[in-house]
Amino acid sequence: MSEQLLSYALTTVQRVKDRLAITGANFDTLIQRLINSATYFIESETNRHFAETTYTDEVYSIYGAKQDMVFLKNAPVSAITSAQYRAGTPSNPAWTNFTADEYELVEDGKSGIVKLYGLAGRGINALRFTYTAGYKINFTNAGDMVTHTLPADITDLCERLVIRWFKRRESEGKTSEAFDGGQINWQSELTNEDKETIARYRRLPAFL
């Protein structure tokens, strides 16, 4: 099976080629690999997955008696389809649905924070959620804010990383084949602007 651009890639081969003023297809495979690598790096650094995805039965803990906020692992959250607490034991859990008034999303889900009301679901692995979170990615209609909601600065970051390394490969005397199976130290490529963008989107750990 031939190599493919990730379905959740943060930019496209054509967008990068446009910025590099490349019209031919000679570097398409290399650019695709770089986009995939840069996408992995950005998601790892921000501790989040950007493409809209449904997460099923993610388990969370409530460590303190006064903790009433749950930081879902992904955001922005567009819908919670199931919110449950464990009424049974670890070996025989009895997952019970919260009522609609026992929880709510903070800031309409933008932060991925859930506010809990009441005392249900205290302890380790005591809560679980099924929810949809992330941004819509549709570069074919990138100007449509309904079908494409991926932040432009994240796409710009991905493109700048790819372009930077694409150009650097020449100064290091590398060919397009040299990247096959190789590793890039993206950290060494980051500018202050890049670091600021990553910091804006970095997710906190699930539990505080």
Foldseek 3Di string as FASTA:
>chain_A
DDDDQDPQFLEALVVLCVVVVHDDCPCSVLLSVLSNQLQVVLCVLQQERAAKDKDFWDFDAAADQPDFKWQDSADQFQDWPFKWFFPDDPVDTDTDTDPPVQKDAPPNRHRRMIGGHDRTQHGGRTMTTITIHHFACDVVPCVDCVRGVRDPVSSVLSSVLSNVVVVVCVVVVHDSCVCVVHDDPSVVVDDPSSVVVSVVNRHDPRYD
